[in-house]
Amino acid sequence: MITANRAAELLQKLLLVLKDSPEPMPPREAIEMVRRQVTLSDFEQSKTEKGTDRFYNILSFATIPLKKIGWLDSKNFRWTLTGAGLEALKQYPDSMQFRGEANRQYNAWRRAAKVFREAGIVEPEPPTDEDAPEPAEISSETLDKEANSPKAFYEEVCDRTGQDLAAYIGNMPPFEFQLLIGDLLKAMGYYIRWGEENTGGADGGLDLVVNKDPLGMEYPRVKVQAKRQQRQITLDNMKAFAHNLKDCDSGIYVCIGGFSGEASKCAREASRPISTFDLEDFLNLWCKFYDKLDEAAHRRLPLKPVYMRVPQSE
């Protein structure tokens, strides 16, 4: 058994961990940091009937409302504290107040979601009592049921797959990752004009130059920077890349670790068009064009489609 107040305290600790992190964090890494900073009860240290980590289940379950109300972002298989989440930490240092405001906003989100469902905009869910009071205690049966639900299984598979792919791609030699990006661009209909033979050395901040026509005579010419690093691209990184774009150039910046808010804003406001792709964006495109990739590309990043039922709440 865990009280709702205790769950709120753990959530506050999680948001503080994310606040102090200079980069978005993998969920398991963030939860492990919380585990090391608090004293766990016997219940929190126990395993579920299926032998899974109950503390991980508790905190994962508890983050769902925070994601829905915009206090916690989970893009790119990592958790980030949002501006709204930071403000909530400042305004509601008391765990009961924190929980009360989170519940209020979550109930408002559920009411809005119901309106959209009734309008047929999204798939309907079973009816619930949107304003039902939160229980003072959350039983082990409730937690175990949630941990074994289709939604929890779906999120666990997505999380583990994302972390595995991030590690696999992150450990690629730099030139191999450059070829990987070239594979994707060729499958999308681009022609590599420069970069496939560039195995190292000074590259002027560019990894590939591609065109839409086979002779490279038509504009725009697209300059590509590809980074497999896990940390985010900074504003200075983006400014340096934008500086390399001349008249009639466009840019594509790929970084597995994603982009800081300032870097993304710089890309949007640059005088020349710049598209940014993080791990999630890259994987979506890789899957979309997988049938058009050649055999060498399939060997470089071999994937197999596995179909799952997406829970209705997704």
C-alpha atoms as a PDB file:
ATOM      1  CA  MET A   1       0.000   0.000   0.000  1.00  0.00           C
ATOM      2  CA  ILE A   2       1.175   3.526  -0.786  1.00  0.00           C
ATOM      3  CA  THR A   3      -0.580   6.759   0.152  1.00  0.00           C
ATOM      4  CA  ALA A   4      -1.466   9.364  -2.454  1.00  0.00           C
ATOM      5  CA  ASN A   5       0.628  11.884  -0.530  1.00  0.00           C
ATOM      6  CA  ARG A   6       3.641   9.569  -0.708  1.00  0.00           C
ATOM      7  CA  ALA A   7       3.152   9.203  -4.464  1.00  0.00           C
ATOM      8  CA  ALA A   8       3.072  13.005  -4.729  1.00  0.00           C
ATOM      9  CA  GLU A   9       6.303  13.279  -2.717  1.00  0.00           C
ATOM     10  CA  LEU A  10       7.999  10.829  -5.072  1.00  0.00           C
ATOM     11  CA  LEU A  11       6.753  12.785  -8.080  1.00  0.00           C
ATOM     12  CA  GLN A  12       8.127  16.001  -6.650  1.00  0.00           C
ATOM     13  CA  LYS A  13      11.476  14.288  -6.124  1.00  0.00           C
ATOM     14  CA  LEU A  14      11.392  13.027  -9.716  1.00  0.00           C
ATOM     15  CA  LEU A  15      10.715  16.518 -11.091  1.00  0.00           C
ATOM     16  CA  LEU A  16      13.589  17.887  -8.994  1.00  0.00           C
ATOM     17  CA  VAL A  17      15.895  15.233 -10.459  1.00  0.00           C
ATOM     18  CA  LEU A  18      14.835  16.287 -13.963  1.00  0.00           C
ATOM     19  CA  LYS A  19      15.221  19.948 -13.038  1.00  0.00           C
ATOM     20  CA  ASP A  20      18.847  19.377 -12.019  1.00  0.00           C
ATOM     21  CA  SER A  21      19.662  17.326 -15.115  1.00  0.00           C
ATOM     22  CA  PRO A  22      21.254  19.314 -17.958  1.00  0.00           C
ATOM     23  CA  GLU A  23      19.787  16.861 -20.483  1.00  0.00           C
ATOM     24  CA  PRO A  24      16.529  14.896 -20.879  1.00  0.00           C
ATOM     25  CA  MET A  25      16.817  11.607 -18.986  1.00  0.00           C
ATOM     26  CA  PRO A  26      15.852   8.023 -19.856  1.00  0.00           C
ATOM     27  CA  PRO A  27      12.937   7.071 -17.575  1.00  0.00           C
ATOM     28  CA  ARG A  28      14.762   4.222 -15.841  1.00  0.00           C
ATOM     29  CA  GLU A  29      17.786   6.403 -15.146  1.00  0.00           C
ATOM     30  CA  ALA A  30      15.593   9.133 -13.639  1.00  0.00           C
ATOM     31  CA  ILE A  31      13.698   6.656 -11.469  1.00  0.00           C
ATOM     32  CA  GLU A  32      16.948   5.089 -10.276  1.00  0.00           C
ATOM     33  CA  MET A  33      18.167   8.522  -9.171  1.00  0.00           C
ATOM     34  CA  VAL A  34      14.966   9.016  -7.172  1.00  0.00           C
ATOM     35  CA  ARG A  35      15.422   5.556  -5.644  1.00  0.00           C
ATOM     36  CA  ARG A  36      18.902   6.512  -4.422  1.00  0.00           C
ATOM     37  CA  GLN A  37      17.649   9.761  -2.858  1.00  0.00           C
ATOM     38  CA  VAL A  38      14.757   8.423  -0.789  1.00  0.00           C
ATOM     39  CA  THR A  39      14.251   5.770   1.875  1.00  0.00           C
ATOM     40  CA  LEU A  40      11.972   3.085   0.466  1.00  0.00           C
ATOM     41  CA  SER A  41       9.343   1.300   2.504  1.00  0.00           C
ATOM     42  CA  ASP A  42       9.198  -2.489   2.521  1.00  0.00           C
ATOM     43  CA  PHE A  43       6.258  -2.278   0.131  1.00  0.00           C
ATOM     44  CA  GLU A  44       8.148  -0.022  -2.295  1.00  0.00           C
ATOM     45  CA  GLN A  45      11.131  -2.390  -2.244  1.00  0.00           C
ATOM     46  CA  SER A  46       9.013  -5.451  -2.926  1.00  0.00           C
ATOM     47  CA  LYS A  47       8.344  -7.207  -6.213  1.00  0.00           C
ATOM     48  CA  THR A  48       4.982  -7.683  -7.887  1.00  0.00           C
ATOM     49  CA  GLU A  49       3.439 -11.125  -8.281  1.00  0.00           C
ATOM     50  CA  LYS A  50       5.115 -11.337 -11.683  1.00  0.00           C
ATOM     51  CA  GLY A  51       8.489 -10.366 -10.238  1.00  0.00           C
ATOM     52  CA  THR A  52       8.683  -6.844 -11.669  1.00  0.00           C
ATOM     53  CA  ASP A  53      10.091  -3.819  -9.862  1.00  0.00           C
ATOM     54  CA  ARG A  54       7.240  -2.332  -7.822  1.00  0.00           C
ATOM     55  CA  PHE A  55       8.967   1.028  -7.222  1.00  0.00           C
ATOM     56  CA  TYR A  56       9.437   1.507 -10.963  1.00  0.00           C
ATOM     57  CA  ASN A  57       5.759   0.642 -11.473  1.00  0.00           C
ATOM     58  CA  ILE A  58       4.649   3.100  -8.788  1.00  0.00           C
ATOM     59  CA  LEU A  59       6.553   6.034 -10.225  1.00  0.00           C
ATOM     60  CA  SER A  60       5.760   5.197 -13.859  1.00  0.00           C
ATOM     61  CA  PHE A  61       2.065   4.909 -13.009  1.00  0.00           C
ATOM     62  CA  ALA A  62       2.151   8.197 -11.096  1.00  0.00           C
ATOM     63  CA  THR A  63       3.674  10.157 -14.020  1.00  0.00           C
ATOM     64  CA  ILE A  64       0.707   9.561 -16.345  1.00  0.00           C
ATOM     65  CA  PRO A  65      -1.309  12.608 -15.157  1.00  0.00           C
ATOM     66  CA  LEU A  66       1.797  14.827 -15.277  1.00  0.00           C
ATOM     67  CA  LYS A  67       2.357  13.922 -18.929  1.00  0.00           C
ATOM     68  CA  LYS A  68      -1.271  14.653 -19.787  1.00  0.00           C
ATOM     69  CA  ILE A  69      -1.294  18.100 -18.128  1.00  0.00           C
ATOM     70  CA  GLY A  70       2.063  19.125 -19.584  1.00  0.00           C
ATOM     71  CA  TRP A  71       4.290  19.088 -16.494  1.00  0.00           C
ATOM     72  CA  LEU A  72       6.420  16.251 -17.836  1.00  0.00           C
ATOM     73  CA  ASP A  73       7.475  15.677 -21.449  1.00  0.00           C
ATOM     74  CA  SER A  74       8.391  12.197 -22.703  1.00  0.00           C
ATOM     75  CA  LYS A  75       9.444  12.917 -26.291  1.00  0.00           C
ATOM     76  CA  ASN A  76      12.382  11.056 -27.816  1.00  0.00           C
ATOM     77  CA  PHE A  77      12.188   8.255 -25.192  1.00  0.00           C
ATOM     78  CA  ARG A  78      13.396  10.627 -22.480  1.00  0.00           C
ATOM     79  CA  TRP A  79      11.787  12.616 -19.683  1.00  0.00           C
ATOM     80  CA  THR A  80      12.081  16.395 -19.478  1.00  0.00           C
ATOM     81  CA  LEU A  81      10.690  18.821 -16.933  1.00  0.00           C
ATOM     82  CA  THR A  82       8.575  21.393 -18.764  1.00  0.00           C
ATOM     83  CA  GLY A  83       8.199  25.060 -17.920  1.00  0.00           C
ATOM     84  CA  ALA A  84       4.765  24.322 -16.461  1.00  0.00           C
ATOM     85  CA  GLY A  85       6.250  21.541 -14.330  1.00  0.00           C
ATOM     86  CA  LEU A  86       8.959  23.851 -13.026  1.00  0.00           C
ATOM     87  CA  GLU A  87       6.346  26.452 -12.136  1.00  0.00           C
ATOM     88  CA  ALA A  88       4.313  23.796 -10.299  1.00  0.00           C
ATOM     89  CA  LEU A  89       7.356  22.862  -8.215  1.00  0.00           C
ATOM     90  CA  LYS A  90       7.773  26.515  -7.226  1.00  0.00           C
ATOM     91  CA  GLN A  91       4.112  27.214  -6.511  1.00  0.00           C
ATOM     92  CA  TYR A  92       3.261  23.978  -4.692  1.00  0.00           C
ATOM     93  CA  PRO A  93       6.177  22.863  -2.493  1.00  0.00           C
ATOM     94  CA  ASP A  94       3.742  21.085  -0.168  1.00  0.00           C
ATOM     95  CA  SER A  95       2.979  17.578  -1.460  1.00  0.00           C
ATOM     96  CA  MET A  96      -0.768  17.840  -0.700  1.00  0.00           C
ATOM     97  CA  GLN A  97      -1.043  21.120  -2.620  1.00  0.00           C
ATOM     98  CA  PHE A  98       1.053  19.670  -5.449  1.00  0.00           C
ATOM     99  CA  ARG A  99      -1.227  16.629  -5.653  1.00  0.00           C
ATOM    100  CA  GLY A 100      -4.372  18.753  -5.461  1.00  0.00           C
ATOM    101  CA  GLU A 101      -3.346  21.011  -8.353  1.00  0.00           C
ATOM    102  CA  ALA A 102      -2.200  18.062 -10.465  1.00  0.00           C
ATOM    103  CA  ASN A 103      -5.559  16.339  -9.867  1.00  0.00           C
ATOM    104  CA  ARG A 104      -7.479  19.513 -10.699  1.00  0.00           C
ATOM    105  CA  GLN A 105      -5.685  19.954 -14.029  1.00  0.00           C
ATOM    106  CA  TYR A 106      -5.853  16.243 -14.834  1.00  0.00           C
ATOM    107  CA  ASN A 107      -9.618  16.164 -14.246  1.00  0.00           C
ATOM    108  CA  ALA A 108      -9.964  19.213 -16.524  1.00  0.00           C
ATOM    109  CA  TRP A 109      -7.929  17.397 -19.178  1.00  0.00           C
ATOM    110  CA  ARG A 110     -10.154  14.318 -18.877  1.00  0.00           C
ATOM    111  CA  ARG A 111     -13.314  16.410 -19.283  1.00  0.00           C
ATOM    112  CA  ALA A 112     -11.846  18.051 -22.400  1.00  0.00           C
ATOM    113  CA  ALA A 113     -10.769  14.658 -23.744  1.00  0.00           C
ATOM    114  CA  LYS A 114     -14.322  13.373 -23.262  1.00  0.00           C
ATOM    115  CA  VAL A 115     -15.693  16.244 -25.366  1.00  0.00           C
ATOM    116  CA  PHE A 116     -13.277  15.378 -28.156  1.00  0.00           C
ATOM    117  CA  ARG A 117     -14.172  11.693 -27.954  1.00  0.00           C
ATOM    118  CA  GLU A 118     -17.890  12.460 -28.136  1.00  0.00           C
ATOM    119  CA  ALA A 119     -17.198  14.577 -31.219  1.00  0.00           C
ATOM    120  CA  GLY A 120     -15.546  11.539 -32.789  1.00  0.00           C
ATOM    121  CA  ILE A 121     -12.153  13.191 -32.975  1.00  0.00           C
ATOM    122  CA  VAL A 122     -10.407  10.393 -31.101  1.00  0.00           C
ATOM    123  CA  GLU A 123     -11.341   6.837 -30.241  1.00  0.00           C
ATOM    124  CA  PRO A 124     -13.800   6.723 -27.308  1.00  0.00           C
ATOM    125  CA  GLU A 125     -12.813   5.253 -23.965  1.00  0.00           C
ATOM    126  CA  PRO A 126     -15.022   3.538 -21.393  1.00  0.00           C
ATOM    127  CA  PRO A 127     -16.959   6.135 -19.345  1.00  0.00           C
ATOM    128  CA  THR A 128     -15.384   7.212 -16.084  1.00  0.00           C
ATOM    129  CA  ASP A 129     -16.292   9.545 -13.251  1.00  0.00           C
ATOM    130  CA  GLU A 130     -14.036  12.457 -14.184  1.00  0.00           C
ATOM    131  CA  ASP A 131     -14.412  14.158 -10.811  1.00  0.00           C
ATOM    132  CA  ALA A 132     -14.120  11.082  -8.616  1.00  0.00           C
ATOM    133  CA  PRO A 133     -11.911  11.917  -5.611  1.00  0.00           C
ATOM    134  CA  GLU A 134      -8.471  10.378  -5.603  1.00  0.00           C
ATOM    135  CA  PRO A 135      -8.151   7.567  -3.035  1.00  0.00           C
ATOM    136  CA  ALA A 136      -6.055   8.382   0.019  1.00  0.00           C
ATOM    137  CA  GLU A 137      -4.213   5.107  -0.481  1.00  0.00           C
ATOM    138  CA  ILE A 138      -3.331   3.141  -3.590  1.00  0.00           C
ATOM    139  CA  SER A 139      -3.458  -0.596  -3.045  1.00  0.00           C
ATOM    140  CA  SER A 140      -0.953  -3.129  -4.299  1.00  0.00           C
ATOM    141  CA  GLU A 141      -3.773  -4.717  -6.323  1.00  0.00           C
ATOM    142  CA  THR A 142      -4.390  -1.421  -8.148  1.00  0.00           C
ATOM    143  CA  LEU A 143      -0.692  -0.906  -8.828  1.00  0.00           C
ATOM    144  CA  ASP A 144      -0.186  -4.484 -10.006  1.00  0.00           C
ATOM    145  CA  LYS A 145      -3.258  -4.271 -12.238  1.00  0.00           C
ATOM    146  CA  GLU A 146      -1.943  -1.073 -13.805  1.00  0.00           C
ATOM    147  CA  ALA A 147       1.557  -2.548 -14.191  1.00  0.00           C
ATOM    148  CA  ASN A 148       0.116  -5.537 -16.064  1.00  0.00           C
ATOM    149  CA  SER A 149      -2.318  -3.515 -18.179  1.00  0.00           C
ATOM    150  CA  PRO A 150      -2.040  -3.272 -21.985  1.00  0.00           C
ATOM    151  CA  LYS A 151      -1.141   0.414 -21.627  1.00  0.00           C
ATOM    152  CA  ALA A 152       1.741  -0.324 -19.240  1.00  0.00           C
ATOM    153  CA  PHE A 153       2.984  -3.132 -21.486  1.00  0.00           C
ATOM    154  CA  TYR A 154       2.804  -0.866 -24.529  1.00  0.00           C
ATOM    155  CA  GLU A 155       4.740   1.921 -22.806  1.00  0.00           C
ATOM    156  CA  GLU A 156       7.325  -0.529 -21.468  1.00  0.00           C
ATOM    157  CA  VAL A 157       7.958  -1.972 -24.928  1.00  0.00           C
ATOM    158  CA  CYS A 158       8.263   1.519 -26.452  1.00  0.00           C
ATOM    159  CA  ASP A 159      10.618   2.630 -23.682  1.00  0.00           C
ATOM    160  CA  ARG A 160      12.883  -0.419 -23.860  1.00  0.00           C
ATOM    161  CA  THR A 161      12.957  -0.389 -27.668  1.00  0.00           C
ATOM    162  CA  GLY A 162      13.816   3.304 -27.729  1.00  0.00           C
ATOM    163  CA  GLN A 163      16.645   2.858 -25.209  1.00  0.00           C
ATOM    164  CA  ASP A 164      18.029  -0.138 -27.102  1.00  0.00           C
ATOM    165  CA  LEU A 165      18.029   1.727 -30.419  1.00  0.00           C
ATOM    166  CA  ALA A 166      19.545   4.836 -28.839  1.00  0.00           C
ATOM    167  CA  ALA A 167      22.405   2.727 -27.434  1.00  0.00           C
ATOM    168  CA  TYR A 168      22.894   0.794 -30.687  1.00  0.00           C
ATOM    169  CA  ILE A 169      23.013   3.904 -32.860  1.00  0.00           C
ATOM    170  CA  GLY A 170      25.001   5.857 -30.277  1.00  0.00           C
ATOM    171  CA  ASN A 171      27.744   3.226 -30.347  1.00  0.00           C
ATOM    172  CA  MET A 172      28.103   3.317 -34.132  1.00  0.00           C
ATOM    173  CA  PRO A 173      31.382   4.706 -35.505  1.00  0.00           C
ATOM    174  CA  PRO A 174      30.766   8.298 -36.665  1.00  0.00           C
ATOM    175  CA  PHE A 175      31.200   7.495 -40.356  1.00  0.00           C
ATOM    176  CA  GLU A 176      28.844   4.513 -40.086  1.00  0.00           C
ATOM    177  CA  PHE A 177      26.164   6.799 -38.655  1.00  0.00           C
ATOM    178  CA  GLN A 178      26.811   9.238 -41.485  1.00  0.00           C
ATOM    179  CA  LEU A 179      26.206   6.413 -43.967  1.00  0.00           C
ATOM    180  CA  LEU A 180      23.023   5.489 -42.083  1.00  0.00           C
ATOM    181  CA  ILE A 181      21.638   8.981 -42.597  1.00  0.00           C
ATOM    182  CA  GLY A 182      22.697   8.813 -46.242  1.00  0.00           C
ATOM    183  CA  ASP A 183      20.818   5.505 -46.595  1.00  0.00           C
ATOM    184  CA  LEU A 184      17.632   7.129 -45.348  1.00  0.00           C
ATOM    185  CA  LEU A 185      17.953  10.187 -47.577  1.00  0.00           C
ATOM    186  CA  LYS A 186      18.510   7.998 -50.657  1.00  0.00           C
ATOM    187  CA  ALA A 187      15.389   5.996 -49.772  1.00  0.00           C
ATOM    188  CA  MET A 188      13.516   9.322 -49.591  1.00  0.00           C
ATOM    189  CA  GLY A 189      14.584  10.179 -53.134  1.00  0.00           C
ATOM    190  CA  TYR A 190      17.718  12.275 -52.558  1.00  0.00           C
ATOM    191  CA  TYR A 191      21.034  11.845 -54.357  1.00  0.00           C
ATOM    192  CA  ILE A 192      24.235  12.027 -52.335  1.00  0.00           C
ATOM    193  CA  ARG A 193      26.511  14.575 -53.980  1.00  0.00           C
ATOM    194  CA  TRP A 194      29.216  14.580 -51.322  1.00  0.00           C
ATOM    195  CA  GLY A 195      29.946  12.779 -48.090  1.00  0.00           C
ATOM    196  CA  GLU A 196      29.894   9.033 -48.748  1.00  0.00           C
ATOM    197  CA  GLU A 197      33.650   9.011 -49.263  1.00  0.00           C
ATOM    198  CA  ASN A 198      34.387  11.460 -46.457  1.00  0.00           C
ATOM    199  CA  THR A 199      35.742   9.135 -43.769  1.00  0.00           C
ATOM    200  CA  GLY A 200      37.081  11.792 -41.431  1.00  0.00           C
ATOM    201  CA  GLY A 201      39.050  14.989 -41.137  1.00  0.00           C
ATOM    202  CA  ALA A 202      37.944  18.558 -41.679  1.00  0.00           C
ATOM    203  CA  ASP A 203      34.492  18.700 -43.217  1.00  0.00           C
ATOM    204  CA  GLY A 204      33.568  22.315 -42.594  1.00  0.00           C
ATOM    205  CA  GLY A 205      30.858  21.222 -40.160  1.00  0.00           C
ATOM    206  CA  LEU A 206      29.046  19.146 -42.792  1.00  0.00           C
ATOM    207  CA  ASP A 207      28.646  15.405 -43.242  1.00  0.00           C
ATOM    208  CA  LEU A 208      26.600  15.145 -46.433  1.00  0.00           C
ATOM    209  CA  VAL A 209      25.459  17.302 -49.329  1.00  0.00           C
ATOM    210  CA  VAL A 210      22.391  16.020 -51.187  1.00  0.00           C
ATOM    211  CA  ASN A 211      20.165  17.080 -54.079  1.00  0.00           C
ATOM    212  CA  LYS A 212      16.833  16.022 -55.474  1.00  0.00           C
ATOM    213  CA  ASP A 213      18.214  15.590 -59.010  1.00  0.00           C
ATOM    214  CA  PRO A 214      20.908  13.049 -59.972  1.00  0.00           C
ATOM    215  CA  LEU A 215      23.248  15.649 -61.520  1.00  0.00           C
ATOM    216  CA  GLY A 216      23.093  18.052 -58.597  1.00  0.00           C
ATOM    217  CA  MET A 217      22.204  20.957 -60.849  1.00  0.00           C
ATOM    218  CA  GLU A 218      18.896  21.914 -59.270  1.00  0.00           C
ATOM    219  CA  TYR A 219      18.384  23.914 -56.093  1.00  0.00           C
ATOM    220  CA  PRO A 220      18.025  23.790 -53.204  1.00  0.00           C
ATOM    221  CA  ARG A 221      21.223  22.025 -52.289  1.00  0.00           C
ATOM    222  CA  VAL A 222      20.720  20.327 -48.920  1.00  0.00           C
ATOM    223  CA  LYS A 223      23.565  20.288 -46.409  1.00  0.00           C
ATOM    224  CA  VAL A 224      23.399  17.666 -43.687  1.00  0.00           C
ATOM    225  CA  GLN A 225      24.987  17.441 -40.236  1.00  0.00           C
ATOM    226  CA  ALA A 226      24.620  14.072 -38.464  1.00  0.00           C
ATOM    227  CA  LYS A 227      25.421  13.586 -34.764  1.00  0.00           C
ATOM    228  CA  ARG A 228      24.920  10.318 -32.884  1.00  0.00           C
ATOM    229  CA  GLN A 229      25.643  11.941 -29.505  1.00  0.00           C
ATOM    230  CA  GLN A 230      23.191  11.477 -26.615  1.00  0.00           C
ATOM    231  CA  ARG A 231      23.398  15.102 -25.432  1.00  0.00           C
ATOM    232  CA  GLN A 232      21.326  17.848 -26.995  1.00  0.00           C
ATOM    233  CA  ILE A 233      22.501  20.234 -29.696  1.00  0.00           C
ATOM    234  CA  THR A 234      23.048  23.698 -28.225  1.00  0.00           C
ATOM    235  CA  LEU A 235      22.301  27.134 -29.603  1.00  0.00           C
ATOM    236  CA  ASP A 236      25.977  27.640 -30.510  1.00  0.00           C
ATOM    237  CA  ASN A 237      25.992  24.337 -32.415  1.00  0.00           C
ATOM    238  CA  MET A 238      22.939  25.382 -34.398  1.00  0.00           C
ATOM    239  CA  LYS A 239      24.317  28.862 -35.137  1.00  0.00           C
ATOM    240  CA  ALA A 240      27.533  27.310 -36.487  1.00  0.00           C
ATOM    241  CA  PHE A 241      25.520  24.998 -38.751  1.00  0.00           C
ATOM    242  CA  ALA A 242      23.262  27.823 -39.974  1.00  0.00           C
ATOM    243  CA  HIS A 243      26.376  29.859 -40.811  1.00  0.00           C
ATOM    244  CA  ASN A 244      27.372  27.142 -43.307  1.00  0.00           C
ATOM    245  CA  LEU A 245      24.164  27.578 -45.308  1.00  0.00           C
ATOM    246  CA  LYS A 246      24.581  29.925 -48.245  1.00  0.00           C
ATOM    247  CA  ASP A 247      22.127  31.237 -50.823  1.00  0.00           C
ATOM    248  CA  CYS A 248      19.907  28.463 -52.238  1.00  0.00           C
ATOM    249  CA  ASP A 249      20.989  26.046 -49.472  1.00  0.00           C
ATOM    250  CA  SER A 250      18.734  24.183 -47.064  1.00  0.00           C
ATOM    251  CA  GLY A 251      19.831  22.256 -44.004  1.00  0.00           C
ATOM    252  CA  ILE A 252      19.072  19.006 -42.209  1.00  0.00           C
ATOM    253  CA  TYR A 253      20.444  18.566 -38.695  1.00  0.00           C
ATOM    254  CA  VAL A 254      20.192  15.069 -37.219  1.00  0.00           C
ATOM    255  CA  CYS A 255      21.036  14.448 -33.562  1.00  0.00           C
ATOM    256  CA  ILE A 256      20.035  11.363 -31.588  1.00  0.00           C
ATOM    257  CA  GLY A 257      20.029  13.342 -28.340  1.00  0.00           C
ATOM    258  CA  GLY A 258      17.680  16.006 -29.683  1.00  0.00           C
ATOM    259  CA  PHE A 259      17.897  19.795 -29.557  1.00  0.00           C
ATOM    260  CA  SER A 260      17.676  22.397 -26.840  1.00  0.00           C
ATOM    261  CA  GLY A 261      14.754  24.813 -26.972  1.00  0.00           C
ATOM    262  CA  GLU A 262      17.063  27.630 -28.061  1.00  0.00           C
ATOM    263  CA  ALA A 263      18.603  25.490 -30.808  1.00  0.00           C
ATOM    264  CA  SER A 264      15.161  24.489 -32.124  1.00  0.00           C
ATOM    265  CA  LYS A 265      14.053  28.124 -32.141  1.00  0.00           C
ATOM    266  CA  CYS A 266      17.216  29.133 -34.004  1.00  0.00           C
ATOM    267  CA  ALA A 267      16.492  26.479 -36.653  1.00  0.00           C
ATOM    268  CA  ARG A 268      12.902  27.687 -37.083  1.00  0.00           C
ATOM    269  CA  GLU A 269      13.943  31.326 -37.409  1.00  0.00           C
ATOM    270  CA  ALA A 270      17.050  30.829 -39.577  1.00  0.00           C
ATOM    271  CA  SER A 271      17.159  32.712 -42.881  1.00  0.00           C
ATOM    272  CA  ARG A 272      17.643  29.409 -44.706  1.00  0.00           C
ATOM    273  CA  PRO A 273      15.271  26.438 -44.053  1.00  0.00           C
ATOM    274  CA  ILE A 274      16.598  23.958 -41.463  1.00  0.00           C
ATOM    275  CA  SER A 275      14.871  20.696 -40.544  1.00  0.00           C
ATOM    276  CA  THR A 276      15.822  19.012 -37.261  1.00  0.00           C
ATOM    277  CA  PHE A 277      15.511  15.294 -36.539  1.00  0.00           C
ATOM    278  CA  ASP A 278      15.975  13.605 -33.177  1.00  0.00           C
ATOM    279  CA  LEU A 279      15.961   9.837 -32.542  1.00  0.00           C
ATOM    280  CA  GLU A 280      12.173   9.574 -32.591  1.00  0.00           C
ATOM    281  CA  ASP A 281      11.925  11.548 -35.858  1.00  0.00           C
ATOM    282  CA  PHE A 282      14.669   9.461 -37.461  1.00  0.00           C
ATOM    283  CA  LEU A 283      13.067   6.149 -36.455  1.00  0.00           C
ATOM    284  CA  ASN A 284       9.661   7.238 -37.759  1.00  0.00           C
ATOM    285  CA  LEU A 285      11.188   8.037 -41.154  1.00  0.00           C
ATOM    286  CA  TRP A 286      13.350   4.880 -41.160  1.00  0.00           C
ATOM    287  CA  CYS A 287      10.257   2.735 -40.617  1.00  0.00           C
ATOM    288  CA  LYS A 288       8.201   4.692 -43.145  1.00  0.00           C
ATOM    289  CA  PHE A 289      10.797   4.200 -45.901  1.00  0.00           C
ATOM    290  CA  TYR A 290      12.108   0.805 -44.760  1.00  0.00           C
ATOM    291  CA  ASP A 291      10.909  -1.017 -47.884  1.00  0.00           C
ATOM    292  CA  LYS A 292      12.840   1.454 -50.062  1.00  0.00           C
ATOM    293  CA  LEU A 293      16.139   1.016 -48.206  1.00  0.00           C
ATOM    294  CA  ASP A 294      18.761  -1.160 -49.887  1.00  0.00           C
ATOM    295  CA  GLU A 295      20.262  -4.332 -48.429  1.00  0.00           C
ATOM    296  CA  ALA A 296      23.303  -2.521 -47.040  1.00  0.00           C
ATOM    297  CA  ALA A 297      21.009  -0.159 -45.110  1.00  0.00           C
ATOM    298  CA  HIS A 298      19.027  -3.097 -43.701  1.00  0.00           C
ATOM    299  CA  ARG A 299      22.272  -4.651 -42.455  1.00  0.00           C
ATOM    300  CA  ARG A 300      23.353  -1.351 -40.922  1.00  0.00           C
ATOM    301  CA  LEU A 301      20.171  -1.037 -38.868  1.00  0.00           C
ATOM    302  CA  PRO A 302      18.159  -4.264 -39.046  1.00  0.00           C
ATOM    303  CA  LEU A 303      14.581  -3.933 -37.851  1.00  0.00           C
ATOM    304  CA  LYS A 304      11.600  -6.254 -37.858  1.00  0.00           C
ATOM    305  CA  PRO A 305       8.038  -4.929 -37.694  1.00  0.00           C
ATOM    306  CA  VAL A 306       6.047  -6.133 -34.693  1.00  0.00           C
ATOM    307  CA  TYR A 307       2.399  -5.135 -34.535  1.00  0.00           C
ATOM    308  CA  MET A 308       0.774  -4.315 -31.208  1.00  0.00           C
ATOM    309  CA  ARG A 309      -2.656  -3.128 -30.255  1.00  0.00           C
ATOM    310  CA  VAL A 310      -2.354   0.485 -29.137  1.00  0.00           C
ATOM    311  CA  PRO A 311      -4.382   1.055 -25.934  1.00  0.00           C
ATOM    312  CA  GLN A 312      -7.345   3.386 -26.452  1.00  0.00           C
ATOM    313  CA  SER A 313      -5.999   6.030 -24.110  1.00  0.00           C
ATOM    314  CA  GLU A 314      -3.052   6.501 -26.468  1.00  0.00           C
END
